[in-house]
PDB file of N, CA and C in Angstrom:
ATOM      1  N   MET A   1      16.472  -5.837  -6.164  1.00  0.00           N
ATOM      2  CA  MET A   1      15.262  -6.008  -5.406  1.00  0.00           C
ATOM      3  C   MET A   1      14.382  -4.765  -5.558  1.00  0.00           C
ATOM      4  N   ARG A   2      13.154  -4.996  -5.744  1.00  0.00           N
ATOM      5  CA  ARG A   2      12.229  -3.963  -5.817  1.00  0.00           C
ATOM      6  C   ARG A   2      11.164  -4.114  -4.692  1.00  0.00           C
ATOM      7  N   ALA A   3      10.797  -2.979  -4.079  1.00  0.00           N
ATOM      8  CA  ALA A   3       9.877  -3.036  -2.874  1.00  0.00           C
ATOM      9  C   ALA A   3       8.554  -2.453  -3.276  1.00  0.00           C
ATOM     10  N   PHE A   4       7.395  -2.885  -2.739  1.00  0.00           N
ATOM     11  CA  PHE A   4       6.102  -2.365  -2.933  1.00  0.00           C
ATOM     12  C   PHE A   4       5.292  -2.703  -1.728  1.00  0.00           C
ATOM     13  N   ALA A   5       4.227  -1.832  -1.517  1.00  0.00           N
ATOM     14  CA  ALA A   5       3.276  -2.045  -0.430  1.00  0.00           C
ATOM     15  C   ALA A   5       2.322  -3.187  -0.727  1.00  0.00           C
ATOM     16  N   SER A   6       1.912  -3.866   0.272  1.00  0.00           N
ATOM     17  CA  SER A   6       0.891  -4.825   0.125  1.00  0.00           C
ATOM     18  C   SER A   6      -0.141  -4.703   1.252  1.00  0.00           C
ATOM     19  N   VAL A   7      -1.405  -4.895   0.958  1.00  0.00           N
ATOM     20  CA  VAL A   7      -2.495  -4.732   1.887  1.00  0.00           C
ATOM     21  C   VAL A   7      -2.932  -6.107   2.500  1.00  0.00           C
ATOM     22  N   ILE A   8      -3.003  -6.193   3.764  1.00  0.00           N
ATOM     23  CA  ILE A   8      -3.590  -7.388   4.374  1.00  0.00           C
ATOM     24  C   ILE A   8      -5.058  -7.161   4.525  1.00  0.00           C
ATOM     25  N   GLN A   9      -5.771  -7.869   3.605  1.00  0.00           N
ATOM     26  CA  GLN A   9      -7.238  -7.558   3.307  1.00  0.00           C
ATOM     27  C   GLN A   9      -8.114  -7.566   4.610  1.00  0.00           C
ATOM     28  N   ASP A  10      -7.924  -8.564   5.453  1.00  0.00           N
ATOM     29  CA  ASP A  10      -8.835  -8.699   6.600  1.00  0.00           C
ATOM     30  C   ASP A  10      -8.540  -7.704   7.667  1.00  0.00           C
ATOM     31  N   ARG A  11      -7.402  -6.909   7.555  1.00  0.00           N
ATOM     32  CA  ARG A  11      -7.139  -5.947   8.617  1.00  0.00           C
ATOM     33  C   ARG A  11      -7.462  -4.556   8.137  1.00  0.00           C
ATOM     34  N   CYS A  12      -7.653  -4.327   6.742  1.00  0.00           N
ATOM     35  CA  CYS A  12      -7.871  -3.008   6.248  1.00  0.00           C
ATOM     36  C   CYS A  12      -9.227  -2.508   6.571  1.00  0.00           C
ATOM     37  N   VAL A  13      -9.319  -1.206   7.018  1.00  0.00           N
ATOM     38  CA  VAL A  13     -10.518  -0.648   7.571  1.00  0.00           C
ATOM     39  C   VAL A  13     -11.003   0.428   6.463  1.00  0.00           C
ATOM     40  N   ALA A  14     -10.299   0.597   5.304  1.00  0.00           N
ATOM     41  CA  ALA A  14     -10.653   1.385   4.295  1.00  0.00           C
ATOM     42  C   ALA A  14     -10.769   2.867   4.735  1.00  0.00           C
ATOM     43  N   CYS A  15      -9.858   3.362   5.639  1.00  0.00           N
ATOM     44  CA  CYS A  15     -10.002   4.595   6.124  1.00  0.00           C
ATOM     45  C   CYS A  15      -9.443   5.746   5.245  1.00  0.00           C
ATOM     46  N   GLY A  16      -8.571   5.307   4.323  1.00  0.00           N
ATOM     47  CA  GLY A  16      -7.999   6.137   3.382  1.00  0.00           C
ATOM     48  C   GLY A  16      -6.676   6.973   3.775  1.00  0.00           C
ATOM     49  N   SER A  17      -6.274   6.669   4.971  1.00  0.00           N
ATOM     50  CA  SER A  17      -5.041   7.333   5.423  1.00  0.00           C
ATOM     51  C   SER A  17      -3.804   7.060   4.524  1.00  0.00           C
ATOM     52  N   CYS A  18      -3.740   5.829   3.985  1.00  0.00           N
ATOM     53  CA  CYS A  18      -2.613   5.441   3.119  1.00  0.00           C
ATOM     54  C   CYS A  18      -2.751   6.246   1.803  1.00  0.00           C
ATOM     55  N   VAL A  19      -4.014   6.492   1.350  1.00  0.00           N
ATOM     56  CA  VAL A  19      -4.118   7.155   0.091  1.00  0.00           C
ATOM     57  C   VAL A  19      -3.672   8.553   0.252  1.00  0.00           C
ATOM     58  N   LYS A  20      -3.904   9.201   1.376  1.00  0.00           N
ATOM     59  CA  LYS A  20      -3.555  10.609   1.605  1.00  0.00           C
ATOM     60  C   LYS A  20      -2.027  10.810   1.647  1.00  0.00           C
ATOM     61  N   VAL A  21      -1.293   9.819   2.111  1.00  0.00           N
ATOM     62  CA  VAL A  21       0.148   9.983   2.365  1.00  0.00           C
ATOM     63  C   VAL A  21       0.953   9.514   1.137  1.00  0.00           C
ATOM     64  N   CYS A  22       0.399   8.687   0.187  1.00  0.00           N
ATOM     65  CA  CYS A  22       1.275   8.129  -0.906  1.00  0.00           C
ATOM     66  C   CYS A  22       1.615   9.205  -1.817  1.00  0.00           C
ATOM     67  N   PRO A  23       2.960   9.445  -1.926  1.00  0.00           N
ATOM     68  CA  PRO A  23       3.411  10.548  -2.839  1.00  0.00           C
ATOM     69  C   PRO A  23       3.281  10.269  -4.288  1.00  0.00           C
ATOM     70  N   LEU A  24       2.956   9.060  -4.666  1.00  0.00           N
ATOM     71  CA  LEU A  24       2.890   8.592  -6.123  1.00  0.00           C
ATOM     72  C   LEU A  24       1.362   8.344  -6.422  1.00  0.00           C
ATOM     73  N   GLY A  25       0.514   8.394  -5.556  1.00  0.00           N
ATOM     74  CA  GLY A  25      -0.927   8.033  -5.799  1.00  0.00           C
ATOM     75  C   GLY A  25      -1.077   6.565  -6.331  1.00  0.00           C
ATOM     76  N   ALA A  26      -0.316   5.737  -5.599  1.00  0.00           N
ATOM     77  CA  ALA A  26      -0.234   4.334  -5.893  1.00  0.00           C
ATOM     78  C   ALA A  26      -1.314   3.468  -5.174  1.00  0.00           C
ATOM     79  N   ILE A  27      -2.072   4.143  -4.308  1.00  0.00           N
ATOM     80  CA  ILE A  27      -3.043   3.475  -3.502  1.00  0.00           C
ATOM     81  C   ILE A  27      -4.393   4.086  -3.660  1.00  0.00           C
ATOM     82  N   SER A  28      -5.486   3.258  -3.689  1.00  0.00           N
ATOM     83  CA  SER A  28      -6.828   3.787  -3.814  1.00  0.00           C
ATOM     84  C   SER A  28      -7.622   2.859  -2.953  1.00  0.00           C
ATOM     85  N   VAL A  29      -8.864   3.340  -2.538  1.00  0.00           N
ATOM     86  CA  VAL A  29      -9.732   2.531  -1.675  1.00  0.00           C
ATOM     87  C   VAL A  29     -10.838   2.033  -2.677  1.00  0.00           C
ATOM     88  N   TRP A  30     -10.812   0.763  -2.713  1.00  0.00           N
ATOM     89  CA  TRP A  30     -11.709   0.003  -3.681  1.00  0.00           C
ATOM     90  C   TRP A  30     -13.165  -0.137  -3.112  1.00  0.00           C
ATOM     91  N   ARG A  31     -14.144   0.455  -3.792  1.00  0.00           N
ATOM     92  CA  ARG A  31     -15.548   0.443  -3.386  1.00  0.00           C
ATOM     93  C   ARG A  31     -15.790   0.628  -1.916  1.00  0.00           C
ATOM     94  N   GLY A  32     -14.954   1.392  -1.273  1.00  0.00           N
ATOM     95  CA  GLY A  32     -15.176   1.802   0.138  1.00  0.00           C
ATOM     96  C   GLY A  32     -14.863   0.586   1.059  1.00  0.00           C
ATOM     97  N   VAL A  33     -14.290  -0.483   0.499  1.00  0.00           N
ATOM     98  CA  VAL A  33     -14.066  -1.740   1.257  1.00  0.00           C
ATOM     99  C   VAL A  33     -12.631  -1.915   1.663  1.00  0.00           C
ATOM    100  N   MET A  34     -11.755  -1.723   0.863  1.00  0.00           N
ATOM    101  CA  MET A  34     -10.322  -1.990   1.193  1.00  0.00           C
ATOM    102  C   MET A  34      -9.374  -1.159   0.323  1.00  0.00           C
ATOM    103  N   ALA A  35      -8.111  -0.948   0.791  1.00  0.00           N
ATOM    104  CA  ALA A  35      -7.139  -0.245  -0.082  1.00  0.00           C
ATOM    105  C   ALA A  35      -6.574  -1.264  -0.996  1.00  0.00           C
ATOM    106  N   VAL A  36      -6.178  -0.785  -2.192  1.00  0.00           N
ATOM    107  CA  VAL A  36      -5.477  -1.604  -3.165  1.00  0.00           C
ATOM    108  C   VAL A  36      -4.309  -0.818  -3.653  1.00  0.00           C
ATOM    109  N   VAL A  37      -3.192  -1.510  -3.982  1.00  0.00           N
ATOM    110  CA  VAL A  37      -1.973  -0.916  -4.278  1.00  0.00           C
ATOM    111  C   VAL A  37      -1.663  -1.161  -5.790  1.00  0.00           C
ATOM    112  N   ASP A  38      -1.292  -0.172  -6.560  1.00  0.00           N
ATOM    113  CA  ASP A  38      -0.923  -0.263  -7.937  1.00  0.00           C
ATOM    114  C   ASP A  38       0.615  -0.575  -7.847  1.00  0.00           C
ATOM    115  N   THR A  39       1.029  -1.843  -7.891  1.00  0.00           N
ATOM    116  CA  THR A  39       2.434  -2.282  -7.675  1.00  0.00           C
ATOM    117  C   THR A  39       3.343  -1.636  -8.805  1.00  0.00           C
ATOM    118  N   GLY A  40       2.759  -1.221  -9.880  1.00  0.00           N
ATOM    119  CA  GLY A  40       3.494  -0.729 -10.984  1.00  0.00           C
ATOM    120  C   GLY A  40       3.908   0.719 -10.646  1.00  0.00           C
ATOM    121  N   ARG A  41       3.262   1.432  -9.804  1.00  0.00           N
ATOM    122  CA  ARG A  41       3.556   2.718  -9.417  1.00  0.00           C
ATOM    123  C   ARG A  41       4.169   2.853  -8.094  1.00  0.00           C
ATOM    124  N   CYS A  42       3.992   1.901  -7.258  1.00  0.00           N
ATOM    125  CA  CYS A  42       4.519   1.956  -5.829  1.00  0.00           C
ATOM    126  C   CYS A  42       5.979   1.729  -5.866  1.00  0.00           C
ATOM    127  N   VAL A  43       6.696   2.489  -5.015  1.00  0.00           N
ATOM    128  CA  VAL A  43       8.185   2.302  -4.937  1.00  0.00           C
ATOM    129  C   VAL A  43       8.672   1.726  -3.559  1.00  0.00           C
ATOM    130  N   GLY A  44       7.624   1.504  -2.686  1.00  0.00           N
ATOM    131  CA  GLY A  44       7.906   0.792  -1.454  1.00  0.00           C
ATOM    132  C   GLY A  44       8.622   1.691  -0.442  1.00  0.00           C
ATOM    133  N   CYS A  45       8.109   3.031  -0.392  1.00  0.00           N
ATOM    134  CA  CYS A  45       8.717   4.040   0.400  1.00  0.00           C
ATOM    135  C   CYS A  45       8.365   3.808   1.924  1.00  0.00           C
ATOM    136  N   GLY A  46       7.207   3.119   2.225  1.00  0.00           N
ATOM    137  CA  GLY A  46       6.824   2.834   3.485  1.00  0.00           C
ATOM    138  C   GLY A  46       5.862   3.849   4.267  1.00  0.00           C
ATOM    139  N   LYS A  47       5.665   4.983   3.533  1.00  0.00           N
ATOM    140  CA  LYS A  47       4.838   6.024   4.249  1.00  0.00           C
ATOM    141  C   LYS A  47       3.451   5.501   4.521  1.00  0.00           C
ATOM    142  N   CYS A  48       2.878   4.737   3.671  1.00  0.00           N
ATOM    143  CA  CYS A  48       1.548   4.259   3.949  1.00  0.00           C
ATOM    144  C   CYS A  48       1.501   3.304   5.129  1.00  0.00           C
ATOM    145  N   LYS A  49       2.606   2.464   5.263  1.00  0.00           N
ATOM    146  CA  LYS A  49       2.695   1.456   6.310  1.00  0.00           C
ATOM    147  C   LYS A  49       2.772   2.313   7.694  1.00  0.00           C
ATOM    148  N   GLN A  50       3.554   3.222   7.627  1.00  0.00           N
ATOM    149  CA  GLN A  50       3.732   4.081   8.947  1.00  0.00           C
ATOM    150  C   GLN A  50       2.315   4.783   9.336  1.00  0.00           C
ATOM    151  N   GLU A  51       1.565   5.149   8.354  1.00  0.00           N
ATOM    152  CA  GLU A  51       0.359   5.887   8.629  1.00  0.00           C
ATOM    153  C   GLU A  51      -0.856   4.964   8.945  1.00  0.00           C
ATOM    154  N   CYS A  52      -0.826   3.738   8.484  1.00  0.00           N
ATOM    155  CA  CYS A  52      -1.962   2.923   8.678  1.00  0.00           C
ATOM    156  C   CYS A  52      -2.310   2.601  10.177  1.00  0.00           C
ATOM    157  N   PRO A  53      -3.451   2.982  10.563  1.00  0.00           N
ATOM    158  CA  PRO A  53      -3.865   2.819  11.970  1.00  0.00           C
ATOM    159  C   PRO A  53      -4.225   1.412  12.344  1.00  0.00           C
ATOM    160  N   ALA A  54      -4.526   0.539  11.227  1.00  0.00           N
ATOM    161  CA  ALA A  54      -4.912  -0.815  11.470  1.00  0.00           C
ATOM    162  C   ALA A  54      -3.736  -1.794  11.222  1.00  0.00           C
ATOM    163  N   GLY A  55      -2.606  -1.227  10.909  1.00  0.00           N
ATOM    164  CA  GLY A  55      -1.411  -2.139  10.646  1.00  0.00           C
ATOM    165  C   GLY A  55      -1.671  -3.180   9.563  1.00  0.00           C
ATOM    166  N   ALA A  56      -2.421  -2.680   8.522  1.00  0.00           N
ATOM    167  CA  ALA A  56      -2.835  -3.528   7.462  1.00  0.00           C
ATOM    168  C   ALA A  56      -1.886  -3.543   6.128  1.00  0.00           C
ATOM    169  N   ILE A  57      -0.771  -2.713   6.309  1.00  0.00           N
ATOM    170  CA  ILE A  57       0.147  -2.657   5.133  1.00  0.00           C
ATOM    171  C   ILE A  57       1.527  -3.181   5.500  1.00  0.00           C
ATOM    172  N   THR A  58       2.074  -3.943   4.682  1.00  0.00           N
ATOM    173  CA  THR A  58       3.399  -4.533   4.743  1.00  0.00           C
ATOM    174  C   THR A  58       4.229  -3.975   3.575  1.00  0.00           C
ATOM    175  N   ILE A  59       5.530  -4.050   3.605  1.00  0.00           N
ATOM    176  CA  ILE A  59       6.280  -3.675   2.450  1.00  0.00           C
ATOM    177  C   ILE A  59       7.015  -5.070   2.018  1.00  0.00           C
ATOM    178  N   GLU A  60       6.681  -5.449   0.823  1.00  0.00           N
ATOM    179  CA  GLU A  60       7.067  -6.656   0.229  1.00  0.00           C
ATOM    180  C   GLU A  60       8.390  -6.360  -0.684  1.00  0.00           C
ATOM    181  N   LYS A  61       9.232  -7.344  -0.767  1.00  0.00           N
ATOM    182  CA  LYS A  61      10.343  -7.222  -1.714  1.00  0.00           C
ATOM    183  C   LYS A  61      10.338  -8.289  -2.731  1.00  0.00           C
ATOM    184  N   ARG A  62      10.605  -7.905  -3.941  1.00  0.00           N
ATOM    185  CA  ARG A  62      10.780  -9.032  -4.986  1.00  0.00           C
ATOM    186  C   ARG A  62      11.830  -8.748  -5.868  1.00  0.00           C
ATOM    187  N   GLY A  63      12.452  -9.794  -6.401  1.00  0.00           N
ATOM    188  CA  GLY A  63      13.552  -9.641  -7.396  1.00  0.00           C
ATOM    189  C   GLY A  63      13.011  -9.215  -8.761  1.00  0.00           C
ATOM    190  N   GLU A  64      13.866  -8.455  -9.453  1.00  0.00           N
ATOM    191  CA  GLU A  64      13.454  -8.133 -10.900  1.00  0.00           C
ATOM    192  C   GLU A  64      14.208  -8.944 -11.757  1.00  0.00           C
ATOM    193  N   THR A  65      13.684  -9.353 -12.903  1.00  0.00           N
ATOM    194  CA  THR A  65      14.395 -10.088 -13.909  1.00  0.00           C
ATOM    195  C   THR A  65      14.627  -9.081 -14.978  1.00  0.00           C
ATOM    196  N   ALA A  66      15.708  -9.295 -15.607  1.00  0.00           N
ATOM    197  CA  ALA A  66      16.163  -8.297 -16.728  1.00  0.00           C
ATOM    198  C   ALA A  66      15.601  -8.608 -17.996  1.00  0.00           C
TER     199      ALA A  66
END
């Protein structure tokens, strides 16, 4: 299983808190409107979820195929 962050679009306030705490630089704020996650870089550590004041980030899990 692989984990990654996912942004709930209608909750995101584009504050940038998640961007600041992401150790891999996997999150950016798109056009000042909402955060977006590069799922190829995200390892699902959950730091962004803990930091988000709006509760707009969840950690998703998906299976990997070999």
